């Protein structure tokens, strides 16, 4: 079985642990990763963009000049799309970009993302990721001890308000928990810092 190093909160290596090979050493399916990431980004879109058609723009109720005899092109309204200040032809309207992806596909994608992190030696397991008080300096010290100076995802087994509020203000660091862990975040952040008890929960969810 694959093994990962285990660190303490000071960033010192204190041992190693075995992890599931079906989750952390699975084949990386790039096609599924792409499908799930595109789905995630589509679902984040608000879809509130909107333009006015010629019927929605105010004014333009009268023909600007008579049909014939002026030498100019015939016009029916100064709010037609070709006029400055006119309506927009075929412009965007509010819509819902959300669509669903099969749960099985999402699990395969998450396994692939975690396996890619394992292959790249970007997984850091923390023995006891707990804090008594909200203190950003403690998380910053841990990351410095781990020699992480790039984007990092900190994952706890369950929502931890102390960890969340201690880490959220650090640039390029995102605290999260297993219940909302997604493929996009795993791929977006270079380093995967995870509590030891969260590993067992991830394996349980993705088994």
C-alpha atoms as a PDB file:
ATOM      1  CA  UNK A   1       0.000   0.000   0.000  1.00  0.00           C
ATOM      2  CA  UNK A   2       1.169   3.581  -0.629  1.00  0.00           C
ATOM      3  CA  UNK A   3       2.504   5.506   2.347  1.00  0.00           C
ATOM      4  CA  UNK A   4       2.544   9.220   3.149  1.00  0.00           C
ATOM      5  CA  UNK A   5       4.608  11.157   5.668  1.00  0.00           C
ATOM      6  CA  UNK A   6       2.968  12.355   8.881  1.00  0.00           C
ATOM      7  CA  UNK A   7       3.910  15.704  10.429  1.00  0.00           C
ATOM      8  CA  UNK A   8       3.102  17.528  13.653  1.00  0.00           C
ATOM      9  CA  UNK A   9       1.746  21.071  13.935  1.00  0.00           C
ATOM     10  CA  UNK A  10       5.297  22.449  13.985  1.00  0.00           C
ATOM     11  CA  UNK A  11       5.945  20.951  10.560  1.00  0.00           C
ATOM     12  CA  UNK A  12       8.359  18.244  11.767  1.00  0.00           C
ATOM     13  CA  UNK A  13       8.083  14.739  10.317  1.00  0.00           C
ATOM     14  CA  UNK A  14       7.118  12.250  13.022  1.00  0.00           C
ATOM     15  CA  UNK A  15       6.331   9.127  11.017  1.00  0.00           C
ATOM     16  CA  UNK A  16       4.349   7.729   8.116  1.00  0.00           C
ATOM     17  CA  UNK A  17       1.030   5.999   7.455  1.00  0.00           C
ATOM     18  CA  UNK A  18      -0.471   3.747   4.831  1.00  0.00           C
ATOM     19  CA  UNK A  19      -3.296   5.025   2.657  1.00  0.00           C
ATOM     20  CA  UNK A  20      -5.716   3.278   0.353  1.00  0.00           C
ATOM     21  CA  UNK A  21      -4.198   2.458  -3.022  1.00  0.00           C
ATOM     22  CA  UNK A  22      -7.635   2.619  -4.696  1.00  0.00           C
ATOM     23  CA  UNK A  23      -7.932   6.289  -3.686  1.00  0.00           C
ATOM     24  CA  UNK A  24      -4.394   7.653  -3.485  1.00  0.00           C
ATOM     25  CA  UNK A  25      -2.714   5.451  -6.081  1.00  0.00           C
ATOM     26  CA  UNK A  26      -5.464   5.072  -8.666  1.00  0.00           C
ATOM     27  CA  UNK A  27      -5.072   5.736 -12.378  1.00  0.00           C
ATOM     28  CA  UNK A  28      -5.422   9.449 -13.117  1.00  0.00           C
ATOM     29  CA  UNK A  29      -8.322   9.864 -15.531  1.00  0.00           C
ATOM     30  CA  UNK A  30      -7.734  13.237 -17.194  1.00  0.00           C
ATOM     31  CA  UNK A  31     -10.935  13.131 -19.242  1.00  0.00           C
ATOM     32  CA  UNK A  32     -13.071  12.691 -16.130  1.00  0.00           C
ATOM     33  CA  UNK A  33     -11.097  15.397 -14.300  1.00  0.00           C
ATOM     34  CA  UNK A  34     -11.814  17.815 -17.132  1.00  0.00           C
ATOM     35  CA  UNK A  35     -15.512  16.940 -17.208  1.00  0.00           C
ATOM     36  CA  UNK A  36     -15.961  17.453 -13.464  1.00  0.00           C
ATOM     37  CA  UNK A  37     -13.953  20.696 -13.311  1.00  0.00           C
ATOM     38  CA  UNK A  38     -15.949  22.199 -16.201  1.00  0.00           C
ATOM     39  CA  UNK A  39     -19.155  21.155 -14.415  1.00  0.00           C
ATOM     40  CA  UNK A  40     -17.993  22.735 -11.141  1.00  0.00           C
ATOM     41  CA  UNK A  41     -17.124  26.036 -12.817  1.00  0.00           C
ATOM     42  CA  UNK A  42     -20.412  26.084 -14.741  1.00  0.00           C
ATOM     43  CA  UNK A  43     -22.335  25.563 -11.512  1.00  0.00           C
ATOM     44  CA  UNK A  44     -20.568  28.554  -9.938  1.00  0.00           C
ATOM     45  CA  UNK A  45     -21.837  30.941 -12.621  1.00  0.00           C
ATOM     46  CA  UNK A  46     -24.565  33.307 -11.481  1.00  0.00           C
ATOM     47  CA  UNK A  47     -26.113  33.672 -14.895  1.00  0.00           C
ATOM     48  CA  UNK A  48     -27.366  37.194 -14.151  1.00  0.00           C
ATOM     49  CA  UNK A  49     -25.953  38.849 -17.287  1.00  0.00           C
ATOM     50  CA  UNK A  50     -28.611  40.636 -19.316  1.00  0.00           C
ATOM     51  CA  UNK A  51     -28.996  42.976 -22.277  1.00  0.00           C
ATOM     52  CA  UNK A  52     -32.066  44.829 -23.562  1.00  0.00           C
ATOM     53  CA  UNK A  53     -33.652  44.030 -26.882  1.00  0.00           C
ATOM     54  CA  UNK A  54     -35.150  46.753 -29.106  1.00  0.00           C
ATOM     55  CA  UNK A  55     -38.542  46.202 -27.459  1.00  0.00           C
ATOM     56  CA  UNK A  56     -37.110  46.882 -23.984  1.00  0.00           C
ATOM     57  CA  UNK A  57     -35.112  50.050 -24.725  1.00  0.00           C
ATOM     58  CA  UNK A  58     -37.058  53.218 -23.976  1.00  0.00           C
ATOM     59  CA  UNK A  59     -37.942  55.596 -26.794  1.00  0.00           C
ATOM     60  CA  UNK A  60     -37.995  55.003 -30.516  1.00  0.00           C
ATOM     61  CA  UNK A  61     -41.747  54.904 -30.835  1.00  0.00           C
ATOM     62  CA  UNK A  62     -41.851  57.085 -33.933  1.00  0.00           C
ATOM     63  CA  UNK A  63     -40.293  56.570 -37.334  1.00  0.00           C
ATOM     64  CA  UNK A  64     -37.193  58.887 -37.482  1.00  0.00           C
ATOM     65  CA  UNK A  65     -37.959  60.076 -41.015  1.00  0.00           C
ATOM     66  CA  UNK A  66     -40.343  59.267 -43.816  1.00  0.00           C
ATOM     67  CA  UNK A  67     -39.865  56.095 -45.823  1.00  0.00           C
ATOM     68  CA  UNK A  68     -39.050  57.657 -49.213  1.00  0.00           C
ATOM     69  CA  UNK A  69     -37.600  60.780 -50.730  1.00  0.00           C
ATOM     70  CA  UNK A  70     -34.897  61.677 -48.183  1.00  0.00           C
ATOM     71  CA  UNK A  71     -32.010  59.883 -49.866  1.00  0.00           C
ATOM     72  CA  UNK A  72     -31.249  58.069 -46.652  1.00  0.00           C
ATOM     73  CA  UNK A  73     -31.737  54.393 -45.797  1.00  0.00           C
ATOM     74  CA  UNK A  74     -35.178  53.532 -44.532  1.00  0.00           C
ATOM     75  CA  UNK A  75     -35.427  53.347 -40.748  1.00  0.00           C
ATOM     76  CA  UNK A  76     -38.302  52.294 -38.530  1.00  0.00           C
ATOM     77  CA  UNK A  77     -36.942  53.139 -35.080  1.00  0.00           C
ATOM     78  CA  UNK A  78     -33.934  54.824 -33.493  1.00  0.00           C
ATOM     79  CA  UNK A  79     -33.871  51.938 -31.013  1.00  0.00           C
ATOM     80  CA  UNK A  80     -33.066  49.298 -33.641  1.00  0.00           C
ATOM     81  CA  UNK A  81     -29.779  47.391 -33.018  1.00  0.00           C
ATOM     82  CA  UNK A  82     -27.806  49.339 -35.634  1.00  0.00           C
ATOM     83  CA  UNK A  83     -28.414  52.632 -33.818  1.00  0.00           C
ATOM     84  CA  UNK A  84     -26.282  53.960 -30.978  1.00  0.00           C
ATOM     85  CA  UNK A  85     -28.366  53.541 -27.857  1.00  0.00           C
ATOM     86  CA  UNK A  86     -30.517  50.930 -29.564  1.00  0.00           C
ATOM     87  CA  UNK A  87     -31.320  47.433 -28.384  1.00  0.00           C
ATOM     88  CA  UNK A  88     -28.893  44.516 -28.565  1.00  0.00           C
ATOM     89  CA  UNK A  89     -29.536  41.783 -31.122  1.00  0.00           C
ATOM     90  CA  UNK A  90     -29.118  38.230 -29.802  1.00  0.00           C
ATOM     91  CA  UNK A  91     -27.550  39.456 -26.555  1.00  0.00           C
ATOM     92  CA  UNK A  92     -27.308  37.400 -23.348  1.00  0.00           C
ATOM     93  CA  UNK A  93     -30.271  36.972 -21.031  1.00  0.00           C
ATOM     94  CA  UNK A  94     -30.404  35.594 -17.470  1.00  0.00           C
ATOM     95  CA  UNK A  95     -30.107  31.811 -17.504  1.00  0.00           C
ATOM     96  CA  UNK A  96     -29.142  28.901 -15.292  1.00  0.00           C
ATOM     97  CA  UNK A  97     -25.828  27.307 -16.264  1.00  0.00           C
ATOM     98  CA  UNK A  98     -26.115  24.482 -13.746  1.00  0.00           C
ATOM     99  CA  UNK A  99     -26.142  20.866 -14.832  1.00  0.00           C
ATOM    100  CA  UNK A 100     -25.503  17.630 -13.010  1.00  0.00           C
ATOM    101  CA  UNK A 101     -22.777  15.021 -13.294  1.00  0.00           C
ATOM    102  CA  UNK A 102     -23.165  11.425 -12.194  1.00  0.00           C
ATOM    103  CA  UNK A 103     -22.019  10.842  -8.580  1.00  0.00           C
ATOM    104  CA  UNK A 104     -19.876   7.925  -9.713  1.00  0.00           C
ATOM    105  CA  UNK A 105     -18.040  10.216 -12.130  1.00  0.00           C
ATOM    106  CA  UNK A 106     -17.446  12.742  -9.334  1.00  0.00           C
ATOM    107  CA  UNK A 107     -15.922  10.027  -7.138  1.00  0.00           C
ATOM    108  CA  UNK A 108     -13.632   8.854  -9.937  1.00  0.00           C
ATOM    109  CA  UNK A 109     -12.519  12.453 -10.499  1.00  0.00           C
ATOM    110  CA  UNK A 110     -11.777  13.028  -6.810  1.00  0.00           C
ATOM    111  CA  UNK A 111      -9.807   9.782  -6.625  1.00  0.00           C
ATOM    112  CA  UNK A 112      -7.846  10.860  -9.695  1.00  0.00           C
ATOM    113  CA  UNK A 113      -7.112  14.281  -8.196  1.00  0.00           C
ATOM    114  CA  UNK A 114      -5.918  12.785  -4.899  1.00  0.00           C
ATOM    115  CA  UNK A 115      -3.808  10.225  -6.759  1.00  0.00           C
ATOM    116  CA  UNK A 116      -2.209  13.019  -8.787  1.00  0.00           C
ATOM    117  CA  UNK A 117      -1.336  14.792  -5.530  1.00  0.00           C
ATOM    118  CA  UNK A 118       0.193  11.587  -4.167  1.00  0.00           C
ATOM    119  CA  UNK A 119       2.247  11.046  -7.324  1.00  0.00           C
ATOM    120  CA  UNK A 120       3.574  14.604  -7.065  1.00  0.00           C
ATOM    121  CA  UNK A 121       4.463  14.222  -3.335  1.00  0.00           C
ATOM    122  CA  UNK A 122       2.108  17.087  -2.478  1.00  0.00           C
ATOM    123  CA  UNK A 123       0.181  15.464   0.392  1.00  0.00           C
ATOM    124  CA  UNK A 124       1.029  16.482   3.978  1.00  0.00           C
ATOM    125  CA  UNK A 125      -0.731  14.563   6.752  1.00  0.00           C
ATOM    126  CA  UNK A 126      -0.922  16.355  10.116  1.00  0.00           C
ATOM    127  CA  UNK A 127      -1.056  14.101  13.194  1.00  0.00           C
ATOM    128  CA  UNK A 128      -3.221  16.316  15.386  1.00  0.00           C
ATOM    129  CA  UNK A 129      -4.623  19.270  13.460  1.00  0.00           C
ATOM    130  CA  UNK A 130      -6.375  21.012  16.336  1.00  0.00           C
ATOM    131  CA  UNK A 131      -6.178  24.435  17.946  1.00  0.00           C
ATOM    132  CA  UNK A 132      -7.552  25.814  21.202  1.00  0.00           C
ATOM    133  CA  UNK A 133      -7.898  29.414  20.021  1.00  0.00           C
ATOM    134  CA  UNK A 134      -8.170  31.309  16.758  1.00  0.00           C
ATOM    135  CA  UNK A 135      -4.650  32.319  15.814  1.00  0.00           C
ATOM    136  CA  UNK A 136      -3.503  32.853  12.243  1.00  0.00           C
ATOM    137  CA  UNK A 137       0.159  32.814  13.280  1.00  0.00           C
ATOM    138  CA  UNK A 138      -0.136  29.156  14.344  1.00  0.00           C
ATOM    139  CA  UNK A 139      -1.278  28.043  10.894  1.00  0.00           C
ATOM    140  CA  UNK A 140       1.330  30.269   9.235  1.00  0.00           C
ATOM    141  CA  UNK A 141       4.035  28.702  11.432  1.00  0.00           C
ATOM    142  CA  UNK A 142       2.858  25.199  10.515  1.00  0.00           C
ATOM    143  CA  UNK A 143       2.996  25.986   6.791  1.00  0.00           C
ATOM    144  CA  UNK A 144       6.447  27.496   7.186  1.00  0.00           C
ATOM    145  CA  UNK A 145       7.604  24.381   9.032  1.00  0.00           C
ATOM    146  CA  UNK A 146       6.275  22.257   6.154  1.00  0.00           C
ATOM    147  CA  UNK A 147       8.168  24.558   3.752  1.00  0.00           C
ATOM    148  CA  UNK A 148       4.945  25.408   1.926  1.00  0.00           C
ATOM    149  CA  UNK A 149       5.154  28.797   0.235  1.00  0.00           C
ATOM    150  CA  UNK A 150       2.555  28.201  -2.456  1.00  0.00           C
ATOM    151  CA  UNK A 151      -1.197  27.630  -2.642  1.00  0.00           C
ATOM    152  CA  UNK A 152      -2.373  25.181   0.013  1.00  0.00           C
ATOM    153  CA  UNK A 153      -5.651  23.430   0.817  1.00  0.00           C
ATOM    154  CA  UNK A 154      -6.105  22.597   4.503  1.00  0.00           C
ATOM    155  CA  UNK A 155      -8.594  19.780   5.057  1.00  0.00           C
ATOM    156  CA  UNK A 156     -10.148  18.725   8.371  1.00  0.00           C
ATOM    157  CA  UNK A 157     -12.452  15.757   9.009  1.00  0.00           C
ATOM    158  CA  UNK A 158     -15.389  17.980   9.981  1.00  0.00           C
ATOM    159  CA  UNK A 159     -15.973  21.720   9.945  1.00  0.00           C
ATOM    160  CA  UNK A 160     -13.599  23.293  12.477  1.00  0.00           C
ATOM    161  CA  UNK A 161     -14.431  26.941  13.145  1.00  0.00           C
ATOM    162  CA  UNK A 162     -11.109  27.617  14.895  1.00  0.00           C
ATOM    163  CA  UNK A 163      -9.024  26.190  12.037  1.00  0.00           C
ATOM    164  CA  UNK A 164     -11.239  27.898   9.466  1.00  0.00           C
ATOM    165  CA  UNK A 165     -10.950  31.363  10.999  1.00  0.00           C
ATOM    166  CA  UNK A 166      -7.233  30.927  11.678  1.00  0.00           C
ATOM    167  CA  UNK A 167      -6.406  29.993   8.078  1.00  0.00           C
ATOM    168  CA  UNK A 168      -8.873  31.974   5.950  1.00  0.00           C
ATOM    169  CA  UNK A 169      -6.889  35.238   6.041  1.00  0.00           C
ATOM    170  CA  UNK A 170      -3.639  33.688   4.829  1.00  0.00           C
ATOM    171  CA  UNK A 171      -3.014  34.453   1.165  1.00  0.00           C
ATOM    172  CA  UNK A 172      -3.431  31.452  -1.161  1.00  0.00           C
ATOM    173  CA  UNK A 173      -4.638  29.198   1.665  1.00  0.00           C
ATOM    174  CA  UNK A 174      -8.134  27.701   1.783  1.00  0.00           C
ATOM    175  CA  UNK A 175      -9.482  25.787   4.804  1.00  0.00           C
ATOM    176  CA  UNK A 176     -12.158  23.182   4.094  1.00  0.00           C
ATOM    177  CA  UNK A 177     -13.443  19.838   5.354  1.00  0.00           C
ATOM    178  CA  UNK A 178     -14.162  16.397   3.926  1.00  0.00           C
ATOM    179  CA  UNK A 179     -17.918  16.952   3.569  1.00  0.00           C
ATOM    180  CA  UNK A 180     -17.430  19.668   0.932  1.00  0.00           C
ATOM    181  CA  UNK A 181     -14.124  18.516  -0.565  1.00  0.00           C
ATOM    182  CA  UNK A 182     -14.207  18.767  -4.354  1.00  0.00           C
ATOM    183  CA  UNK A 183     -11.990  17.954  -7.317  1.00  0.00           C
ATOM    184  CA  UNK A 184     -11.563  21.582  -8.398  1.00  0.00           C
ATOM    185  CA  UNK A 185     -10.063  22.685  -5.072  1.00  0.00           C
ATOM    186  CA  UNK A 186      -7.755  19.660  -4.885  1.00  0.00           C
ATOM    187  CA  UNK A 187      -6.367  20.500  -8.327  1.00  0.00           C
ATOM    188  CA  UNK A 188      -6.308  24.272  -7.860  1.00  0.00           C
ATOM    189  CA  UNK A 189      -4.182  24.252  -4.709  1.00  0.00           C
ATOM    190  CA  UNK A 190      -0.636  22.965  -5.078  1.00  0.00           C
ATOM    191  CA  UNK A 191      -0.318  21.417  -1.623  1.00  0.00           C
ATOM    192  CA  UNK A 192      -2.838  19.156   0.113  1.00  0.00           C
ATOM    193  CA  UNK A 193      -2.538  19.544   3.900  1.00  0.00           C
ATOM    194  CA  UNK A 194      -4.889  17.109   5.609  1.00  0.00           C
ATOM    195  CA  UNK A 195      -5.639  16.048   9.176  1.00  0.00           C
ATOM    196  CA  UNK A 196      -4.864  12.407   9.914  1.00  0.00           C
ATOM    197  CA  UNK A 197      -8.445  11.654  10.957  1.00  0.00           C
ATOM    198  CA  UNK A 198      -9.654  13.238   7.697  1.00  0.00           C
ATOM    199  CA  UNK A 199      -7.763  10.591   5.695  1.00  0.00           C
ATOM    200  CA  UNK A 200      -9.927   7.850   7.182  1.00  0.00           C
ATOM    201  CA  UNK A 201     -13.066   9.837   6.410  1.00  0.00           C
ATOM    202  CA  UNK A 202     -11.984  10.443   2.807  1.00  0.00           C
ATOM    203  CA  UNK A 203     -11.350   6.725   2.357  1.00  0.00           C
ATOM    204  CA  UNK A 204     -14.759   5.964   3.848  1.00  0.00           C
ATOM    205  CA  UNK A 205     -16.543   8.405   1.524  1.00  0.00           C
ATOM    206  CA  UNK A 206     -14.695   7.299  -1.634  1.00  0.00           C
ATOM    207  CA  UNK A 207     -14.589   3.569  -0.896  1.00  0.00           C
END
